[in-house]
C-alpha atoms as a PDB file:
ATOM      1  CA  UNK A   1       0.000   0.000   0.000  1.00  0.00           C
ATOM      2  CA  UNK A   2       1.384   3.415  -0.987  1.00  0.00           C
ATOM      3  CA  UNK A   3       2.140   5.864   1.787  1.00  0.00           C
ATOM      4  CA  UNK A   4       0.179   9.166   1.708  1.00  0.00           C
ATOM      5  CA  UNK A   5       2.118  12.046   0.261  1.00  0.00           C
ATOM      6  CA  UNK A   6       2.923  14.570   2.988  1.00  0.00           C
ATOM      7  CA  UNK A   7       2.114  18.205   2.311  1.00  0.00           C
ATOM      8  CA  UNK A   8       5.017  20.646   2.395  1.00  0.00           C
ATOM      9  CA  UNK A   9       5.688  21.821   5.925  1.00  0.00           C
ATOM     10  CA  UNK A  10       5.856  25.441   4.838  1.00  0.00           C
ATOM     11  CA  UNK A  11       2.245  25.384   3.652  1.00  0.00           C
ATOM     12  CA  UNK A  12       0.958  23.481   6.697  1.00  0.00           C
ATOM     13  CA  UNK A  13       2.480  25.886   9.188  1.00  0.00           C
ATOM     14  CA  UNK A  14       1.873  29.039   7.192  1.00  0.00           C
ATOM     15  CA  UNK A  15      -1.102  31.293   7.967  1.00  0.00           C
ATOM     16  CA  UNK A  16      -4.052  31.156   5.516  1.00  0.00           C
ATOM     17  CA  UNK A  17      -3.025  34.343   3.743  1.00  0.00           C
ATOM     18  CA  UNK A  18       0.347  32.844   2.837  1.00  0.00           C
ATOM     19  CA  UNK A  19      -1.269  29.634   1.543  1.00  0.00           C
ATOM     20  CA  UNK A  20      -3.615  31.654  -0.680  1.00  0.00           C
ATOM     21  CA  UNK A  21      -0.727  33.608  -2.087  1.00  0.00           C
ATOM     22  CA  UNK A  22       1.286  30.443  -2.723  1.00  0.00           C
ATOM     23  CA  UNK A  23      -1.577  29.134  -4.817  1.00  0.00           C
ATOM     24  CA  UNK A  24      -1.316  32.183  -7.085  1.00  0.00           C
ATOM     25  CA  UNK A  25       2.404  32.985  -7.218  1.00  0.00           C
ATOM     26  CA  UNK A  26       2.013  35.322 -10.179  1.00  0.00           C
ATOM     27  CA  UNK A  27      -0.983  37.277  -8.865  1.00  0.00           C
ATOM     28  CA  UNK A  28      -0.271  40.899  -8.053  1.00  0.00           C
ATOM     29  CA  UNK A  29      -1.127  41.831  -4.484  1.00  0.00           C
ATOM     30  CA  UNK A  30      -2.763  45.251  -4.340  1.00  0.00           C
ATOM     31  CA  UNK A  31      -2.684  47.399  -1.263  1.00  0.00           C
ATOM     32  CA  UNK A  32      -6.063  48.385   0.143  1.00  0.00           C
ATOM     33  CA  UNK A  33      -4.750  51.596   1.588  1.00  0.00           C
ATOM     34  CA  UNK A  34      -6.487  54.711   0.489  1.00  0.00           C
ATOM     35  CA  UNK A  35      -4.545  57.861  -0.377  1.00  0.00           C
ATOM     36  CA  UNK A  36      -3.192  59.419   2.776  1.00  0.00           C
ATOM     37  CA  UNK A  37      -3.190  56.158   4.765  1.00  0.00           C
ATOM     38  CA  UNK A  38       0.525  55.563   4.677  1.00  0.00           C
ATOM     39  CA  UNK A  39       2.845  55.276   7.641  1.00  0.00           C
ATOM     40  CA  UNK A  40       3.798  58.935   7.627  1.00  0.00           C
ATOM     41  CA  UNK A  41       3.503  61.317  10.584  1.00  0.00           C
ATOM     42  CA  UNK A  42      -0.281  61.673  10.070  1.00  0.00           C
ATOM     43  CA  UNK A  43      -0.941  57.945  10.283  1.00  0.00           C
ATOM     44  CA  UNK A  44      -2.771  56.737  13.387  1.00  0.00           C
ATOM     45  CA  UNK A  45      -0.469  53.741  13.788  1.00  0.00           C
ATOM     46  CA  UNK A  46       2.566  56.024  13.817  1.00  0.00           C
ATOM     47  CA  UNK A  47       1.201  58.828  15.991  1.00  0.00           C
ATOM     48  CA  UNK A  48      -1.516  57.207  18.059  1.00  0.00           C
ATOM     49  CA  UNK A  49      -3.922  59.946  16.898  1.00  0.00           C
ATOM     50  CA  UNK A  50      -6.944  59.727  14.658  1.00  0.00           C
ATOM     51  CA  UNK A  51      -6.220  60.712  11.057  1.00  0.00           C
ATOM     52  CA  UNK A  52      -9.314  62.902  10.741  1.00  0.00           C
ATOM     53  CA  UNK A  53      -8.731  64.856  13.922  1.00  0.00           C
ATOM     54  CA  UNK A  54      -9.103  68.594  13.201  1.00  0.00           C
ATOM     55  CA  UNK A  55      -6.686  70.735  15.174  1.00  0.00           C
ATOM     56  CA  UNK A  56      -8.695  73.968  14.926  1.00  0.00           C
ATOM     57  CA  UNK A  57     -12.043  75.344  13.863  1.00  0.00           C
ATOM     58  CA  UNK A  58     -12.755  75.889  10.171  1.00  0.00           C
ATOM     59  CA  UNK A  59     -15.458  77.008   7.720  1.00  0.00           C
ATOM     60  CA  UNK A  60     -15.884  75.540   4.258  1.00  0.00           C
ATOM     61  CA  UNK A  61     -17.341  77.207   1.159  1.00  0.00           C
ATOM     62  CA  UNK A  62     -19.163  75.325  -1.597  1.00  0.00           C
ATOM     63  CA  UNK A  63     -17.755  75.881  -5.056  1.00  0.00           C
ATOM     64  CA  UNK A  64     -21.051  77.404  -6.159  1.00  0.00           C
ATOM     65  CA  UNK A  65     -20.652  80.117  -3.521  1.00  0.00           C
ATOM     66  CA  UNK A  66     -17.081  80.945  -4.509  1.00  0.00           C
ATOM     67  CA  UNK A  67     -18.082  81.216  -8.163  1.00  0.00           C
ATOM     68  CA  UNK A  68     -21.338  83.052  -7.470  1.00  0.00           C
ATOM     69  CA  UNK A  69     -22.108  86.517  -8.800  1.00  0.00           C
ATOM     70  CA  UNK A  70     -22.748  87.680  -5.237  1.00  0.00           C
ATOM     71  CA  UNK A  71     -19.272  86.664  -4.070  1.00  0.00           C
ATOM     72  CA  UNK A  72     -17.564  88.180  -7.094  1.00  0.00           C
ATOM     73  CA  UNK A  73     -19.243  91.533  -6.446  1.00  0.00           C
ATOM     74  CA  UNK A  74     -18.080  91.846  -2.827  1.00  0.00           C
ATOM     75  CA  UNK A  75     -15.753  94.703  -1.988  1.00  0.00           C
ATOM     76  CA  UNK A  76     -12.549  94.112  -0.031  1.00  0.00           C
ATOM     77  CA  UNK A  77     -14.062  95.724   3.069  1.00  0.00           C
ATOM     78  CA  UNK A  78     -17.085  93.421   2.867  1.00  0.00           C
ATOM     79  CA  UNK A  79     -14.842  90.368   2.588  1.00  0.00           C
ATOM     80  CA  UNK A  80     -12.911  91.499   5.671  1.00  0.00           C
ATOM     81  CA  UNK A  81     -16.130  92.016   7.619  1.00  0.00           C
ATOM     82  CA  UNK A  82     -17.287  88.544   6.569  1.00  0.00           C
ATOM     83  CA  UNK A  83     -13.999  86.996   7.719  1.00  0.00           C
ATOM     84  CA  UNK A  84     -14.243  88.803  11.069  1.00  0.00           C
ATOM     85  CA  UNK A  85     -17.735  87.392  11.593  1.00  0.00           C
ATOM     86  CA  UNK A  86     -16.475  83.939  10.596  1.00  0.00           C
ATOM     87  CA  UNK A  87     -13.675  84.217  13.154  1.00  0.00           C
ATOM     88  CA  UNK A  88     -16.211  85.114  15.843  1.00  0.00           C
ATOM     89  CA  UNK A  89     -18.368  82.168  14.782  1.00  0.00           C
ATOM     90  CA  UNK A  90     -15.412  79.785  15.098  1.00  0.00           C
ATOM     91  CA  UNK A  91     -14.282  81.227  18.432  1.00  0.00           C
ATOM     92  CA  UNK A  92     -17.684  80.176  19.805  1.00  0.00           C
ATOM     93  CA  UNK A  93     -17.441  76.674  18.399  1.00  0.00           C
ATOM     94  CA  UNK A  94     -20.138  77.337  15.822  1.00  0.00           C
ATOM     95  CA  UNK A  95     -22.784  77.603  18.568  1.00  0.00           C
ATOM     96  CA  UNK A  96     -23.617  81.314  18.344  1.00  0.00           C
ATOM     97  CA  UNK A  97     -24.552  81.835  14.696  1.00  0.00           C
ATOM     98  CA  UNK A  98     -27.499  84.218  14.772  1.00  0.00           C
ATOM     99  CA  UNK A  99     -26.176  85.767  17.970  1.00  0.00           C
ATOM    100  CA  UNK A 100     -22.715  86.769  16.791  1.00  0.00           C
ATOM    101  CA  UNK A 101     -21.572  90.048  18.313  1.00  0.00           C
ATOM    102  CA  UNK A 102     -18.758  92.045  16.731  1.00  0.00           C
ATOM    103  CA  UNK A 103     -18.561  95.738  17.581  1.00  0.00           C
ATOM    104  CA  UNK A 104     -17.528  98.496  15.193  1.00  0.00           C
ATOM    105  CA  UNK A 105     -14.326  98.899  17.216  1.00  0.00           C
ATOM    106  CA  UNK A 106     -13.533  95.205  16.689  1.00  0.00           C
ATOM    107  CA  UNK A 107     -14.167  95.540  12.962  1.00  0.00           C
ATOM    108  CA  UNK A 108     -11.779  98.497  12.858  1.00  0.00           C
ATOM    109  CA  UNK A 109      -9.148  96.532  14.778  1.00  0.00           C
ATOM    110  CA  UNK A 110      -9.460  93.923  11.993  1.00  0.00           C
ATOM    111  CA  UNK A 111      -8.212  96.511   9.513  1.00  0.00           C
ATOM    112  CA  UNK A 112     -11.479  97.932   8.187  1.00  0.00           C
ATOM    113  CA  UNK A 113     -11.641 101.702   7.810  1.00  0.00           C
ATOM    114  CA  UNK A 114     -13.992 103.504  10.212  1.00  0.00           C
ATOM    115  CA  UNK A 115     -16.081 104.790   7.315  1.00  0.00           C
ATOM    116  CA  UNK A 116     -16.220 101.367   5.654  1.00  0.00           C
ATOM    117  CA  UNK A 117     -17.682  99.192   8.417  1.00  0.00           C
ATOM    118  CA  UNK A 118     -21.367 100.055   7.994  1.00  0.00           C
ATOM    119  CA  UNK A 119     -21.304 100.115   4.159  1.00  0.00           C
ATOM    120  CA  UNK A 120     -19.596  96.708   4.160  1.00  0.00           C
ATOM    121  CA  UNK A 121     -22.207  95.250   6.520  1.00  0.00           C
ATOM    122  CA  UNK A 122     -25.035  96.649   4.369  1.00  0.00           C
ATOM    123  CA  UNK A 123     -23.348  95.124   1.334  1.00  0.00           C
ATOM    124  CA  UNK A 124     -23.132  91.661   2.898  1.00  0.00           C
ATOM    125  CA  UNK A 125     -26.793  91.842   3.870  1.00  0.00           C
ATOM    126  CA  UNK A 126     -27.878  92.988   0.401  1.00  0.00           C
ATOM    127  CA  UNK A 127     -25.928  90.188  -1.280  1.00  0.00           C
ATOM    128  CA  UNK A 128     -27.322  87.528   1.038  1.00  0.00           C
ATOM    129  CA  UNK A 129     -24.276  86.474   3.055  1.00  0.00           C
ATOM    130  CA  UNK A 130     -25.231  88.019   6.399  1.00  0.00           C
ATOM    131  CA  UNK A 131     -28.449  88.643   8.292  1.00  0.00           C
ATOM    132  CA  UNK A 132     -28.701  91.243  11.058  1.00  0.00           C
ATOM    133  CA  UNK A 133     -30.778  89.425  13.663  1.00  0.00           C
ATOM    134  CA  UNK A 134     -30.850  92.369  16.090  1.00  0.00           C
ATOM    135  CA  UNK A 135     -30.197  95.989  15.313  1.00  0.00           C
ATOM    136  CA  UNK A 136     -27.621  97.811  17.391  1.00  0.00           C
ATOM    137  CA  UNK A 137     -28.642 100.750  19.542  1.00  0.00           C
ATOM    138  CA  UNK A 138     -26.244 103.595  20.295  1.00  0.00           C
ATOM    139  CA  UNK A 139     -26.323 105.698  23.419  1.00  0.00           C
ATOM    140  CA  UNK A 140     -25.200 105.606  27.029  1.00  0.00           C
ATOM    141  CA  UNK A 141     -23.903 102.354  28.468  1.00  0.00           C
ATOM    142  CA  UNK A 142     -27.237 101.732  30.160  1.00  0.00           C
ATOM    143  CA  UNK A 143     -29.130 101.717  26.873  1.00  0.00           C
ATOM    144  CA  UNK A 144     -26.448 100.681  24.385  1.00  0.00           C
ATOM    145  CA  UNK A 145     -27.059  97.413  22.560  1.00  0.00           C
ATOM    146  CA  UNK A 146     -24.764  95.680  20.106  1.00  0.00           C
ATOM    147  CA  UNK A 147     -26.038  94.285  16.837  1.00  0.00           C
ATOM    148  CA  UNK A 148     -26.087  90.526  16.365  1.00  0.00           C
ATOM    149  CA  UNK A 149     -25.408  88.694  13.106  1.00  0.00           C
ATOM    150  CA  UNK A 150     -26.029  85.396  11.339  1.00  0.00           C
ATOM    151  CA  UNK A 151     -23.913  83.956   8.549  1.00  0.00           C
ATOM    152  CA  UNK A 152     -26.372  82.558   6.024  1.00  0.00           C
ATOM    153  CA  UNK A 153     -24.016  79.891   4.649  1.00  0.00           C
ATOM    154  CA  UNK A 154     -23.278  77.991   7.884  1.00  0.00           C
ATOM    155  CA  UNK A 155     -25.458  76.113  10.359  1.00  0.00           C
ATOM    156  CA  UNK A 156     -26.895  77.738  13.444  1.00  0.00           C
ATOM    157  CA  UNK A 157     -26.982  76.299  16.951  1.00  0.00           C
ATOM    158  CA  UNK A 158     -30.027  74.139  16.224  1.00  0.00           C
ATOM    159  CA  UNK A 159     -28.152  72.654  13.232  1.00  0.00           C
ATOM    160  CA  UNK A 160     -30.720  74.122  10.853  1.00  0.00           C
ATOM    161  CA  UNK A 161     -29.474  74.096   7.294  1.00  0.00           C
ATOM    162  CA  UNK A 162     -27.944  77.321   5.912  1.00  0.00           C
ATOM    163  CA  UNK A 163     -30.479  79.531   4.137  1.00  0.00           C
ATOM    164  CA  UNK A 164     -28.037  80.638   1.409  1.00  0.00           C
ATOM    165  CA  UNK A 165     -29.811  83.849   0.360  1.00  0.00           C
ATOM    166  CA  UNK A 166     -26.891  84.686  -1.921  1.00  0.00           C
ATOM    167  CA  UNK A 167     -28.187  82.036  -4.328  1.00  0.00           C
ATOM    168  CA  UNK A 168     -31.102  84.313  -5.274  1.00  0.00           C
ATOM    169  CA  UNK A 169     -28.740  86.649  -7.148  1.00  0.00           C
ATOM    170  CA  UNK A 170     -28.312  85.288 -10.658  1.00  0.00           C
ATOM    171  CA  UNK A 171     -26.137  87.766 -12.574  1.00  0.00           C
ATOM    172  CA  UNK A 172     -23.049  89.835 -11.899  1.00  0.00           C
ATOM    173  CA  UNK A 173     -24.908  92.948 -13.063  1.00  0.00           C
ATOM    174  CA  UNK A 174     -27.606  92.411 -10.448  1.00  0.00           C
ATOM    175  CA  UNK A 175     -25.007  91.741  -7.758  1.00  0.00           C
ATOM    176  CA  UNK A 176     -23.023  94.878  -8.561  1.00  0.00           C
ATOM    177  CA  UNK A 177     -26.146  97.031  -8.533  1.00  0.00           C
ATOM    178  CA  UNK A 178     -27.202  95.660  -5.144  1.00  0.00           C
ATOM    179  CA  UNK A 179     -23.716  96.113  -3.716  1.00  0.00           C
ATOM    180  CA  UNK A 180     -23.419  99.688  -4.944  1.00  0.00           C
ATOM    181  CA  UNK A 181     -26.846 100.648  -3.588  1.00  0.00           C
ATOM    182  CA  UNK A 182     -26.071  99.027  -0.229  1.00  0.00           C
ATOM    183  CA  UNK A 183     -22.789 100.901   0.156  1.00  0.00           C
ATOM    184  CA  UNK A 184     -24.655 104.178  -0.230  1.00  0.00           C
ATOM    185  CA  UNK A 185     -27.044 103.488   2.649  1.00  0.00           C
ATOM    186  CA  UNK A 186     -26.343 105.962   5.400  1.00  0.00           C
ATOM    187  CA  UNK A 187     -25.858 104.494   8.831  1.00  0.00           C
ATOM    188  CA  UNK A 188     -28.442 106.027  11.177  1.00  0.00           C
ATOM    189  CA  UNK A 189     -26.026 106.091  14.100  1.00  0.00           C
ATOM    190  CA  UNK A 190     -23.359 107.866  12.052  1.00  0.00           C
ATOM    191  CA  UNK A 191     -25.910 110.379  10.784  1.00  0.00           C
ATOM    192  CA  UNK A 192     -27.063 111.088  14.320  1.00  0.00           C
ATOM    193  CA  UNK A 193     -23.493 111.587  15.517  1.00  0.00           C
ATOM    194  CA  UNK A 194     -22.799 113.891  12.584  1.00  0.00           C
ATOM    195  CA  UNK A 195     -25.851 116.031  13.303  1.00  0.00           C
ATOM    196  CA  UNK A 196     -24.962 116.283  16.981  1.00  0.00           C
ATOM    197  CA  UNK A 197     -21.436 117.303  16.037  1.00  0.00           C
ATOM    198  CA  UNK A 198     -22.679 119.997  13.669  1.00  0.00           C
ATOM    199  CA  UNK A 199     -25.082 121.336  16.302  1.00  0.00           C
ATOM    200  CA  UNK A 200     -22.325 121.380  18.907  1.00  0.00           C
ATOM    201  CA  UNK A 201     -20.081 123.323  16.520  1.00  0.00           C
ATOM    202  CA  UNK A 202     -22.848 125.874  15.861  1.00  0.00           C
ATOM    203  CA  UNK A 203     -23.445 126.279  19.588  1.00  0.00           C
ATOM    204  CA  UNK A 204     -19.740 126.991  20.199  1.00  0.00           C
ATOM    205  CA  UNK A 205     -19.630 129.491  17.368  1.00  0.00           C
ATOM    206  CA  UNK A 206     -22.688 131.382  18.605  1.00  0.00           C
ATOM    207  CA  UNK A 207     -21.920 131.040  22.294  1.00  0.00           C
END
């Protein structure tokens, strides 16, 4: 009687993956790693940290917003005001959209000219990027109230979807007309301060 043929020891002791590969010696083994999943410094195995961990707050723009007529019509001052509101939004962890408070002094500290703050805000409202949820009130400290803002292209605290009013503007001509008209809106607080200053000057001249 013939003795049974013993299987090679290498295949008996080898793990299943090795046996499968030995059955197809010419088959190309493809890595299942996705791009960015190497063993570099961002890899979880190398650093002990999750790959998708975000180190700081951020805001993303859809391509349609970047290419929109409304965005293309924004002035530099309006873009700076928008970025200052975005910074405030991120400093609060995205939980205060609709209640964002940035004073005129803070806008000026951001590099926006004192005569450009209000026109830039009006421009952002007209083009659908910002909503003023509460009007500011000037006056003595007891009665003074800061305006509050909402960015229309990010979620609010309740996670409601962005309203994206900027999408309503279809052409660059329409956007430029809205922006120009908005920049010409006189700020009521500035007008009141100007009138009080003129009256004070008249009083000194006649006094």
